[in-house]
Amino acid sequence: MYVKANIGTVEILLHLIIWFVIIVCTFGIGAYFFAYSFAKFIINRTQIVDSDGESRTMVCHTDMFSNIGHVILWIIITILTFGLGYAVYFYKVWNYSLNNSTVE
C-alpha cells in the first residue's frame, strides 16, 4: 500500500496566485484560511493504492466557514506570540484536516 498525490504544476501555480491575491487584499488575514485551503488542496488530490493496484481517493471534509472559531483563536495566539504561533498553527491545521478526512 502506498500514497500517490496527483498534483500538476499548473494547478499549484494557480492555487498559489489566487491565494497570494487573497492574502494581499485582506492584509494578511487570508493567510489563516490559506492553511486550510492548502491542506484540503493536497488531501483531495491524494490516492491510497493497495497491493492489488486498486486506488481510493482521500476526501477532506473541512470548509472555511466551519473553521472561523479555530482561525480567530490562532489569530489571537499569533498576535500574543509576535507571529511565532503561526508556525504551530500550520501544523495544527494539518492535524485537523487529516482528522476530518476519509478514504472513499
PDB file of N, CA and C in Angstrom:
ATOM      1  N   MET A   1       0.837  -1.167   0.000  1.00  0.00           N
ATOM      2  CA  MET A   1       0.000   0.000   0.000  1.00  0.00           C
ATOM      3  C   MET A   1       0.890   1.241   0.000  1.00  0.00           C
ATOM      4  N   TYR A   2       0.527   2.208  -0.828  1.00  0.00           N
ATOM      5  CA  TYR A   2       1.283   3.451  -0.863  1.00  0.00           C
ATOM      6  C   TYR A   2       0.351   4.622  -1.163  1.00  0.00           C
ATOM      7  N   VAL A   3       0.873   5.806  -0.953  1.00  0.00           N
ATOM      8  CA  VAL A   3       0.112   7.039  -1.163  1.00  0.00           C
ATOM      9  C   VAL A   3       0.643   7.724  -2.410  1.00  0.00           C
ATOM     10  N   LYS A   4      -0.282   8.177  -3.269  1.00  0.00           N
ATOM     11  CA  LYS A   4       0.111   8.825  -4.515  1.00  0.00           C
ATOM     12  C   LYS A   4      -0.652  10.149  -4.630  1.00  0.00           C
ATOM     13  N   ALA A   5       0.083  11.231  -4.813  1.00  0.00           N
ATOM     14  CA  ALA A   5      -0.537  12.548  -4.992  1.00  0.00           C
ATOM     15  C   ALA A   5      -0.511  12.915  -6.473  1.00  0.00           C
ATOM     16  N   ASN A   6      -1.656  13.318  -6.987  1.00  0.00           N
ATOM     17  CA  ASN A   6      -1.783  13.705  -8.395  1.00  0.00           C
ATOM     18  C   ASN A   6      -1.987  15.213  -8.473  1.00  0.00           C
ATOM     19  N   ILE A   7      -0.879  15.954  -8.430  1.00  0.00           N
ATOM     20  CA  ILE A   7      -0.964  17.410  -8.428  1.00  0.00           C
ATOM     21  C   ILE A   7      -0.089  17.943  -9.547  1.00  0.00           C
ATOM     22  N   GLY A   8      -0.705  18.704 -10.434  1.00  0.00           N
ATOM     23  CA  GLY A   8       0.038  19.287 -11.542  1.00  0.00           C
ATOM     24  C   GLY A   8       0.658  20.623 -11.180  1.00  0.00           C
ATOM     25  N   THR A   9       1.703  20.964 -11.880  1.00  0.00           N
ATOM     26  CA  THR A   9       2.408  22.220 -11.633  1.00  0.00           C
ATOM     27  C   THR A   9       1.513  23.422 -11.899  1.00  0.00           C
ATOM     28  N   VAL A  10       0.718  23.368 -12.944  1.00  0.00           N
ATOM     29  CA  VAL A  10      -0.184  24.479 -13.269  1.00  0.00           C
ATOM     30  C   VAL A  10      -1.218  24.660 -12.160  1.00  0.00           C
ATOM     31  N   GLU A  11      -1.750  23.553 -11.646  1.00  0.00           N
ATOM     32  CA  GLU A  11      -2.710  23.631 -10.530  1.00  0.00           C
ATOM     33  C   GLU A  11      -2.086  24.303  -9.314  1.00  0.00           C
ATOM     34  N   ILE A  12      -0.848  23.932  -9.014  1.00  0.00           N
ATOM     35  CA  ILE A  12      -0.151  24.511  -7.868  1.00  0.00           C
ATOM     36  C   ILE A  12       0.038  26.010  -8.064  1.00  0.00           C
ATOM     37  N   LEU A  13       0.502  26.403  -9.242  1.00  0.00           N
ATOM     38  CA  LEU A  13       0.737  27.818  -9.509  1.00  0.00           C
ATOM     39  C   LEU A  13      -0.547  28.634  -9.436  1.00  0.00           C
ATOM     40  N   LEU A  14      -1.627  28.122 -10.009  1.00  0.00           N
ATOM     41  CA  LEU A  14      -2.908  28.828  -9.939  1.00  0.00           C
ATOM     42  C   LEU A  14      -3.388  28.967  -8.501  1.00  0.00           C
ATOM     43  N   HIS A  15      -3.253  27.909  -7.729  1.00  0.00           N
ATOM     44  CA  HIS A  15      -3.653  27.934  -6.326  1.00  0.00           C
ATOM     45  C   HIS A  15      -2.852  28.986  -5.567  1.00  0.00           C
ATOM     46  N   LEU A  16      -1.552  29.020  -5.782  1.00  0.00           N
ATOM     47  CA  LEU A  16      -0.694  29.995  -5.114  1.00  0.00           C
ATOM     48  C   LEU A  16      -1.007  31.427  -5.532  1.00  0.00           C
ATOM     49  N   ILE A  17      -1.222  31.648  -6.816  1.00  0.00           N
ATOM     50  CA  ILE A  17      -1.526  33.003  -7.301  1.00  0.00           C
ATOM     51  C   ILE A  17      -2.838  33.511  -6.718  1.00  0.00           C
ATOM     52  N   ILE A  18      -3.858  32.660  -6.738  1.00  0.00           N
ATOM     53  CA  ILE A  18      -5.161  33.050  -6.183  1.00  0.00           C
ATOM     54  C   ILE A  18      -5.026  33.408  -4.711  1.00  0.00           C
ATOM     55  N   TRP A  19      -4.338  32.571  -3.950  1.00  0.00           N
ATOM     56  CA  TRP A  19      -4.204  32.832  -2.519  1.00  0.00           C
ATOM     57  C   TRP A  19      -3.284  33.997  -2.227  1.00  0.00           C
ATOM     58  N   PHE A  20      -2.305  34.251  -3.070  1.00  0.00           N
ATOM     59  CA  PHE A  20      -1.457  35.433  -2.889  1.00  0.00           C
ATOM     60  C   PHE A  20      -2.302  36.702  -3.022  1.00  0.00           C
ATOM     61  N   VAL A  21      -3.159  36.729  -4.029  1.00  0.00           N
ATOM     62  CA  VAL A  21      -4.043  37.885  -4.222  1.00  0.00           C
ATOM     63  C   VAL A  21      -4.981  38.042  -3.031  1.00  0.00           C
ATOM     64  N   ILE A  22      -5.561  36.932  -2.565  1.00  0.00           N
ATOM     65  CA  ILE A  22      -6.466  36.989  -1.409  1.00  0.00           C
ATOM     66  C   ILE A  22      -5.738  37.503  -0.172  1.00  0.00           C
ATOM     67  N   ILE A  23      -4.536  37.014   0.068  1.00  0.00           N
ATOM     68  CA  ILE A  23      -3.770  37.430   1.253  1.00  0.00           C
ATOM     69  C   ILE A  23      -3.430  38.914   1.179  1.00  0.00           C
ATOM     70  N   VAL A  24      -3.037  39.386   0.009  1.00  0.00           N
ATOM     71  CA  VAL A  24      -2.715  40.807  -0.140  1.00  0.00           C
ATOM     72  C   VAL A  24      -3.965  41.669   0.044  1.00  0.00           C
ATOM     73  N   CYS A  25      -5.086  41.255  -0.557  1.00  0.00           N
ATOM     74  CA  CYS A  25      -6.331  42.041  -0.467  1.00  0.00           C
ATOM     75  C   CYS A  25      -6.904  42.069   0.946  1.00  0.00           C
ATOM     76  N   THR A  26      -6.622  41.057   1.751  1.00  0.00           N
ATOM     77  CA  THR A  26      -7.154  41.010   3.119  1.00  0.00           C
ATOM     78  C   THR A  26      -6.116  41.424   4.153  1.00  0.00           C
ATOM     79  N   PHE A  27      -5.019  42.005   3.684  1.00  0.00           N
ATOM     80  CA  PHE A  27      -3.951  42.477   4.570  1.00  0.00           C
ATOM     81  C   PHE A  27      -3.425  41.384   5.501  1.00  0.00           C
ATOM     82  N   GLY A  28      -3.323  40.169   4.986  1.00  0.00           N
ATOM     83  CA  GLY A  28      -2.708  39.074   5.723  1.00  0.00           C
ATOM     84  C   GLY A  28      -3.672  38.133   6.421  1.00  0.00           C
ATOM     85  N   ILE A  29      -4.915  38.548   6.628  1.00  0.00           N
ATOM     86  CA  ILE A  29      -5.888  37.674   7.305  1.00  0.00           C
ATOM     87  C   ILE A  29      -6.139  36.406   6.489  1.00  0.00           C
ATOM     88  N   GLY A  30      -6.072  36.512   5.177  1.00  0.00           N
ATOM     89  CA  GLY A  30      -6.283  35.353   4.319  1.00  0.00           C
ATOM     90  C   GLY A  30      -5.275  34.240   4.535  1.00  0.00           C
ATOM     91  N   ALA A  31      -4.125  34.561   5.108  1.00  0.00           N
ATOM     92  CA  ALA A  31      -3.098  33.541   5.354  1.00  0.00           C
ATOM     93  C   ALA A  31      -3.603  32.463   6.301  1.00  0.00           C
ATOM     94  N   TYR A  32      -4.485  32.837   7.206  1.00  0.00           N
ATOM     95  CA  TYR A  32      -5.034  31.841   8.131  1.00  0.00           C
ATOM     96  C   TYR A  32      -5.969  30.882   7.414  1.00  0.00           C
ATOM     97  N   PHE A  33      -6.689  31.360   6.422  1.00  0.00           N
ATOM     98  CA  PHE A  33      -7.561  30.492   5.654  1.00  0.00           C
ATOM     99  C   PHE A  33      -6.780  29.714   4.600  1.00  0.00           C
ATOM    100  N   PHE A  34      -5.662  30.269   4.142  1.00  0.00           N
ATOM    101  CA  PHE A  34      -4.815  29.572   3.175  1.00  0.00           C
ATOM    102  C   PHE A  34      -4.339  28.238   3.731  1.00  0.00           C
ATOM    103  N   ALA A  35      -4.018  28.190   5.010  1.00  0.00           N
ATOM    104  CA  ALA A  35      -3.527  26.943   5.607  1.00  0.00           C
ATOM    105  C   ALA A  35      -4.540  25.813   5.429  1.00  0.00           C
ATOM    106  N   TYR A  36      -5.830  26.108   5.641  1.00  0.00           N
ATOM    107  CA  TYR A  36      -6.874  25.093   5.440  1.00  0.00           C
ATOM    108  C   TYR A  36      -7.008  24.734   3.964  1.00  0.00           C
ATOM    109  N   SER A  37      -6.981  25.739   3.114  1.00  0.00           N
ATOM    110  CA  SER A  37      -7.109  25.502   1.682  1.00  0.00           C
ATOM    111  C   SER A  37      -5.945  24.675   1.156  1.00  0.00           C
ATOM    112  N   PHE A  38      -4.740  24.950   1.664  1.00  0.00           N
ATOM    113  CA  PHE A  38      -3.556  24.202   1.249  1.00  0.00           C
ATOM    114  C   PHE A  38      -3.679  22.730   1.631  1.00  0.00           C
ATOM    115  N   ALA A  39      -4.077  22.457   2.871  1.00  0.00           N
ATOM    116  CA  ALA A  39      -4.225  21.077   3.328  1.00  0.00           C
ATOM    117  C   ALA A  39      -5.294  20.353   2.517  1.00  0.00           C
ATOM    118  N   LYS A  40      -6.424  21.018   2.308  1.00  0.00           N
ATOM    119  CA  LYS A  40      -7.510  20.395   1.548  1.00  0.00           C
ATOM    120  C   LYS A  40      -7.102  20.172   0.093  1.00  0.00           C
ATOM    121  N   PHE A  41      -6.361  21.107  -0.479  1.00  0.00           N
ATOM    122  CA  PHE A  41      -5.866  21.004  -1.854  1.00  0.00           C
ATOM    123  C   PHE A  41      -5.028  19.737  -2.032  1.00  0.00           C
ATOM    124  N   ILE A  42      -4.133  19.470  -1.105  1.00  0.00           N
ATOM    125  CA  ILE A  42      -3.268  18.295  -1.193  1.00  0.00           C
ATOM    126  C   ILE A  42      -4.053  17.009  -0.908  1.00  0.00           C
ATOM    127  N   ILE A  43      -4.832  16.998   0.170  1.00  0.00           N
ATOM    128  CA  ILE A  43      -5.557  15.781   0.571  1.00  0.00           C
ATOM    129  C   ILE A  43      -6.538  15.339  -0.508  1.00  0.00           C
ATOM    130  N   ASN A  44      -7.276  16.270  -1.102  1.00  0.00           N
ATOM    131  CA  ASN A  44      -8.278  15.906  -2.111  1.00  0.00           C
ATOM    132  C   ASN A  44      -7.660  15.401  -3.413  1.00  0.00           C
ATOM    133  N   ARG A  45      -6.381  15.579  -3.608  1.00  0.00           N
ATOM    134  CA  ARG A  45      -5.706  15.084  -4.804  1.00  0.00           C
ATOM    135  C   ARG A  45      -4.803  13.893  -4.502  1.00  0.00           C
ATOM    136  N   THR A  46      -5.039  13.260  -3.363  1.00  0.00           N
ATOM    137  CA  THR A  46      -4.220  12.137  -2.933  1.00  0.00           C
ATOM    138  C   THR A  46      -5.019  10.851  -3.006  1.00  0.00           C
ATOM    139  N   GLN A  47      -4.361   9.805  -3.458  1.00  0.00           N
ATOM    140  CA  GLN A  47      -4.985   8.482  -3.537  1.00  0.00           C
ATOM    141  C   GLN A  47      -4.160   7.486  -2.735  1.00  0.00           C
ATOM    142  N   ILE A  48      -4.849   6.509  -2.172  1.00  0.00           N
ATOM    143  CA  ILE A  48      -4.190   5.398  -1.499  1.00  0.00           C
ATOM    144  C   ILE A  48      -4.332   4.188  -2.416  1.00  0.00           C
ATOM    145  N   VAL A  49      -3.202   3.628  -2.804  1.00  0.00           N
ATOM    146  CA  VAL A  49      -3.188   2.496  -3.736  1.00  0.00           C
ATOM    147  C   VAL A  49      -2.769   1.263  -2.959  1.00  0.00           C
ATOM    148  N   ASP A  50      -3.623   0.218  -3.002  1.00  0.00           N
ATOM    149  CA  ASP A  50      -3.274  -1.010  -2.277  1.00  0.00           C
ATOM    150  C   ASP A  50      -2.440  -1.931  -3.160  1.00  0.00           C
ATOM    151  N   SER A  51      -2.073  -3.081  -2.623  1.00  0.00           N
ATOM    152  CA  SER A  51      -1.170  -4.002  -3.322  1.00  0.00           C
ATOM    153  C   SER A  51      -1.786  -4.591  -4.591  1.00  0.00           C
ATOM    154  N   ASP A  52      -3.118  -4.581  -4.708  1.00  0.00           N
ATOM    155  CA  ASP A  52      -3.786  -5.081  -5.911  1.00  0.00           C
ATOM    156  C   ASP A  52      -3.872  -4.027  -7.006  1.00  0.00           C
ATOM    157  N   GLY A  53      -3.439  -2.812  -6.731  1.00  0.00           N
ATOM    158  CA  GLY A  53      -3.500  -1.724  -7.706  1.00  0.00           C
ATOM    159  C   GLY A  53      -4.775  -0.910  -7.626  1.00  0.00           C
ATOM    160  N   GLU A  54      -5.663  -1.288  -6.713  1.00  0.00           N
ATOM    161  CA  GLU A  54      -6.912  -0.538  -6.552  1.00  0.00           C
ATOM    162  C   GLU A  54      -6.623   0.748  -5.783  1.00  0.00           C
ATOM    163  N   SER A  55      -7.124   1.853  -6.317  1.00  0.00           N
ATOM    164  CA  SER A  55      -6.863   3.135  -5.657  1.00  0.00           C
ATOM    165  C   SER A  55      -8.151   3.708  -5.076  1.00  0.00           C
ATOM    166  N   ARG A  56      -7.989   4.337  -3.929  1.00  0.00           N
ATOM    167  CA  ARG A  56      -9.101   5.013  -3.270  1.00  0.00           C
ATOM    168  C   ARG A  56      -8.684   6.456  -3.008  1.00  0.00           C
ATOM    169  N   THR A  57      -9.609   7.367  -3.196  1.00  0.00           N
ATOM    170  CA  THR A  57      -9.319   8.792  -3.072  1.00  0.00           C
ATOM    171  C   THR A  57      -9.593   9.284  -1.661  1.00  0.00           C
ATOM    172  N   MET A  58      -8.718  10.142  -1.183  1.00  0.00           N
ATOM    173  CA  MET A  58      -8.938  10.784   0.108  1.00  0.00           C
ATOM    174  C   MET A  58      -9.795  12.031  -0.109  1.00  0.00           C
ATOM    175  N   VAL A  59     -10.676  12.306   0.840  1.00  0.00           N
ATOM    176  CA  VAL A  59     -11.548  13.476   0.763  1.00  0.00           C
ATOM    177  C   VAL A  59     -11.490  14.207   2.094  1.00  0.00           C
ATOM    178  N   CYS A  60     -11.156  15.476   2.047  1.00  0.00           N
ATOM    179  CA  CYS A  60     -11.101  16.318   3.239  1.00  0.00           C
ATOM    180  C   CYS A  60     -12.449  17.008   3.403  1.00  0.00           C
ATOM    181  N   HIS A  61     -13.056  16.884   4.571  1.00  0.00           N
ATOM    182  CA  HIS A  61     -14.398  17.411   4.815  1.00  0.00           C
ATOM    183  C   HIS A  61     -14.384  18.713   5.615  1.00  0.00           C
ATOM    184  N   THR A  62     -13.393  19.534   5.416  1.00  0.00           N
ATOM    185  CA  THR A  62     -13.367  20.829   6.093  1.00  0.00           C
ATOM    186  C   THR A  62     -13.799  21.907   5.112  1.00  0.00           C
ATOM    187  N   ASP A  63     -14.339  22.986   5.638  1.00  0.00           N
ATOM    188  CA  ASP A  63     -14.606  24.156   4.821  1.00  0.00           C
ATOM    189  C   ASP A  63     -14.227  25.400   5.615  1.00  0.00           C
ATOM    190  N   MET A  64     -14.063  26.481   4.922  1.00  0.00           N
ATOM    191  CA  MET A  64     -13.543  27.683   5.565  1.00  0.00           C
ATOM    192  C   MET A  64     -14.483  28.261   6.615  1.00  0.00           C
ATOM    193  N   PHE A  65     -15.768  28.136   6.412  1.00  0.00           N
ATOM    194  CA  PHE A  65     -16.713  28.752   7.332  1.00  0.00           C
ATOM    195  C   PHE A  65     -16.850  27.978   8.640  1.00  0.00           C
ATOM    196  N   SER A  66     -16.608  26.683   8.616  1.00  0.00           N
ATOM    197  CA  SER A  66     -16.678  25.906   9.855  1.00  0.00           C
ATOM    198  C   SER A  66     -15.431  26.088  10.710  1.00  0.00           C
ATOM    199  N   ASN A  67     -14.414  26.728  10.149  1.00  0.00           N
ATOM    200  CA  ASN A  67     -13.141  26.901  10.849  1.00  0.00           C
ATOM    201  C   ASN A  67     -12.961  28.298  11.430  1.00  0.00           C
ATOM    202  N   ILE A  68     -13.989  29.122  11.409  1.00  0.00           N
ATOM    203  CA  ILE A  68     -13.872  30.513  11.857  1.00  0.00           C
ATOM    204  C   ILE A  68     -13.390  30.590  13.305  1.00  0.00           C
ATOM    205  N   GLY A  69     -13.956  29.800  14.199  1.00  0.00           N
ATOM    206  CA  GLY A  69     -13.544  29.824  15.606  1.00  0.00           C
ATOM    207  C   GLY A  69     -12.083  29.447  15.775  1.00  0.00           C
ATOM    208  N   HIS A  70     -11.669  28.432  15.048  1.00  0.00           N
ATOM    209  CA  HIS A  70     -10.283  27.981  15.080  1.00  0.00           C
ATOM    210  C   HIS A  70      -9.355  29.091  14.578  1.00  0.00           C
ATOM    211  N   VAL A  71      -9.752  29.751  13.506  1.00  0.00           N
ATOM    212  CA  VAL A  71      -8.952  30.835  12.933  1.00  0.00           C
ATOM    213  C   VAL A  71      -8.826  31.995  13.915  1.00  0.00           C
ATOM    214  N   ILE A  72      -9.930  32.393  14.528  1.00  0.00           N
ATOM    215  CA  ILE A  72      -9.902  33.509  15.481  1.00  0.00           C
ATOM    216  C   ILE A  72      -8.984  33.190  16.657  1.00  0.00           C
ATOM    217  N   LEU A  73      -9.083  31.985  17.188  1.00  0.00           N
ATOM    218  CA  LEU A  73      -8.215  31.569  18.293  1.00  0.00           C
ATOM    219  C   LEU A  73      -6.746  31.680  17.901  1.00  0.00           C
ATOM    220  N   TRP A  74      -6.397  31.194  16.717  1.00  0.00           N
ATOM    221  CA  TRP A  74      -4.993  31.206  16.311  1.00  0.00           C
ATOM    222  C   TRP A  74      -4.506  32.586  15.901  1.00  0.00           C
ATOM    223  N   ILE A  75      -5.402  33.462  15.463  1.00  0.00           N
ATOM    224  CA  ILE A  75      -5.004  34.852  15.212  1.00  0.00           C
ATOM    225  C   ILE A  75      -4.583  35.486  16.529  1.00  0.00           C
ATOM    226  N   ILE A  76      -5.358  35.243  17.577  1.00  0.00           N
ATOM    227  CA  ILE A  76      -5.017  35.786  18.896  1.00  0.00           C
ATOM    228  C   ILE A  76      -3.687  35.213  19.387  1.00  0.00           C
ATOM    229  N   ILE A  77      -3.511  33.897  19.241  1.00  0.00           N
ATOM    230  CA  ILE A  77      -2.253  33.271  19.666  1.00  0.00           C
ATOM    231  C   ILE A  77      -1.076  33.837  18.875  1.00  0.00           C
ATOM    232  N   THR A  78      -1.257  34.034  17.579  1.00  0.00           N
ATOM    233  CA  THR A  78      -0.184  34.581  16.745  1.00  0.00           C
ATOM    234  C   THR A  78       0.174  36.000  17.170  1.00  0.00           C
ATOM    235  N   ILE A  79      -0.825  36.806  17.471  1.00  0.00           N
ATOM    236  CA  ILE A  79      -0.559  38.182  17.920  1.00  0.00           C
ATOM    237  C   ILE A  79       0.184  38.163  19.252  1.00  0.00           C
ATOM    238  N   LEU A  80      -0.266  37.323  20.189  1.00  0.00           N
ATOM    239  CA  LEU A  80       0.370  37.259  21.503  1.00  0.00           C
ATOM    240  C   LEU A  80       1.811  36.745  21.449  1.00  0.00           C
ATOM    241  N   THR A  81       2.115  35.923  20.450  1.00  0.00           N
ATOM    242  CA  THR A  81       3.474  35.372  20.327  1.00  0.00           C
ATOM    243  C   THR A  81       4.293  36.107  19.273  1.00  0.00           C
ATOM    244  N   PHE A  82       3.817  37.267  18.839  1.00  0.00           N
ATOM    245  CA  PHE A  82       4.508  38.086  17.841  1.00  0.00           C
ATOM    246  C   PHE A  82       4.798  37.321  16.546  1.00  0.00           C
ATOM    247  N   GLY A  83       3.856  36.520  16.109  1.00  0.00           N
ATOM    248  CA  GLY A  83       3.959  35.808  14.842  1.00  0.00           C
ATOM    249  C   GLY A  83       4.489  34.393  14.927  1.00  0.00           C
ATOM    250  N   LEU A  84       5.099  34.028  16.028  1.00  0.00           N
ATOM    251  CA  LEU A  84       5.678  32.684  16.137  1.00  0.00           C
ATOM    252  C   LEU A  84       4.611  31.593  16.207  1.00  0.00           C
ATOM    253  N   GLY A  85       3.440  31.932  16.683  1.00  0.00           N
ATOM    254  CA  GLY A  85       2.358  30.953  16.799  1.00  0.00           C
ATOM    255  C   GLY A  85       1.861  30.440  15.464  1.00  0.00           C
ATOM    256  N   TYR A  86       2.100  31.201  14.379  1.00  0.00           N
ATOM    257  CA  TYR A  86       1.624  30.765  13.070  1.00  0.00           C
ATOM    258  C   TYR A  86       2.294  29.472  12.625  1.00  0.00           C
ATOM    259  N   ALA A  87       3.544  29.263  12.991  1.00  0.00           N
ATOM    260  CA  ALA A  87       4.237  28.017  12.634  1.00  0.00           C
ATOM    261  C   ALA A  87       3.544  26.822  13.269  1.00  0.00           C
ATOM    262  N   VAL A  88       3.153  26.952  14.528  1.00  0.00           N
ATOM    263  CA  VAL A  88       2.427  25.875  15.218  1.00  0.00           C
ATOM    264  C   VAL A  88       1.042  25.718  14.605  1.00  0.00           C
ATOM    265  N   TYR A  89       0.424  26.834  14.259  1.00  0.00           N
ATOM    266  CA  TYR A  89      -0.915  26.835  13.648  1.00  0.00           C
ATOM    267  C   TYR A  89      -0.935  25.991  12.383  1.00  0.00           C
ATOM    268  N   PHE A  90       0.077  26.134  11.542  1.00  0.00           N
ATOM    269  CA  PHE A  90       0.118  25.396  10.277  1.00  0.00           C
ATOM    270  C   PHE A  90       0.103  23.890  10.528  1.00  0.00           C
ATOM    271  N   TYR A  91       0.846  23.430  11.529  1.00  0.00           N
ATOM    272  CA  TYR A  91       0.843  22.005  11.882  1.00  0.00           C
ATOM    273  C   TYR A  91      -0.515  21.573  12.429  1.00  0.00           C
ATOM    274  N   LYS A  92      -1.128  22.411  13.254  1.00  0.00           N
ATOM    275  CA  LYS A  92      -2.437  22.075  13.828  1.00  0.00           C
ATOM    276  C   LYS A  92      -3.514  22.006  12.735  1.00  0.00           C
ATOM    277  N   VAL A  93      -3.397  22.836  11.718  1.00  0.00           N
ATOM    278  CA  VAL A  93      -4.348  22.786  10.606  1.00  0.00           C
ATOM    279  C   VAL A  93      -4.231  21.452   9.881  1.00  0.00           C
ATOM    280  N   TRP A  94      -3.008  20.999   9.650  1.00  0.00           N
ATOM    281  CA  TRP A  94      -2.827  19.695   9.007  1.00  0.00           C
ATOM    282  C   TRP A  94      -3.408  18.580   9.873  1.00  0.00           C
ATOM    283  N   ASN A  95      -3.173  18.647  11.158  1.00  0.00           N
ATOM    284  CA  ASN A  95      -3.722  17.671  12.085  1.00  0.00           C
ATOM    285  C   ASN A  95      -5.247  17.664  12.005  1.00  0.00           C
ATOM    286  N   TYR A  96      -5.847  18.836  12.047  1.00  0.00           N
ATOM    287  CA  TYR A  96      -7.305  18.977  11.986  1.00  0.00           C
ATOM    288  C   TYR A  96      -7.838  18.458  10.647  1.00  0.00           C
ATOM    289  N   SER A  97      -7.162  18.823   9.554  1.00  0.00           N
ATOM    290  CA  SER A  97      -7.615  18.422   8.231  1.00  0.00           C
ATOM    291  C   SER A  97      -7.521  16.910   8.021  1.00  0.00           C
ATOM    292  N   LEU A  98      -6.435  16.307   8.455  1.00  0.00           N
ATOM    293  CA  LEU A  98      -6.301  14.860   8.318  1.00  0.00           C
ATOM    294  C   LEU A  98      -7.313  14.118   9.189  1.00  0.00           C
ATOM    295  N   ASN A  99      -7.596  14.642  10.375  1.00  0.00           N
ATOM    296  CA  ASN A  99      -8.597  14.016  11.248  1.00  0.00           C
ATOM    297  C   ASN A  99     -10.004  14.132  10.698  1.00  0.00           C
ATOM    298  N   ASN A 100     -10.226  15.075   9.790  1.00  0.00           N
ATOM    299  CA  ASN A 100     -11.545  15.259   9.179  1.00  0.00           C
ATOM    300  C   ASN A 100     -11.544  14.818   7.720  1.00  0.00           C
ATOM    301  N   SER A 101     -10.742  13.823   7.413  1.00  0.00           N
ATOM    302  CA  SER A 101     -10.665  13.273   6.059  1.00  0.00           C
ATOM    303  C   SER A 101     -11.090  11.816   6.061  1.00  0.00           C
ATOM    304  N   THR A 102     -11.609  11.374   4.939  1.00  0.00           N
ATOM    305  CA  THR A 102     -11.994   9.977   4.780  1.00  0.00           C
ATOM    306  C   THR A 102     -11.385   9.432   3.483  1.00  0.00           C
ATOM    307  N   VAL A 103     -11.399   8.125   3.371  1.00  0.00           N
ATOM    308  CA  VAL A 103     -10.955   7.459   2.157  1.00  0.00           C
ATOM    309  C   VAL A 103     -12.184   6.867   1.504  1.00  0.00           C
ATOM    310  N   GLU A 104     -12.405   7.228   0.254  1.00  0.00           N
ATOM    311  CA  GLU A 104     -13.609   6.741  -0.464  1.00  0.00           C
ATOM    312  C   GLU A 104     -13.218   5.915  -1.661  1.00  0.00           C
TER     313      GLU A 104
END
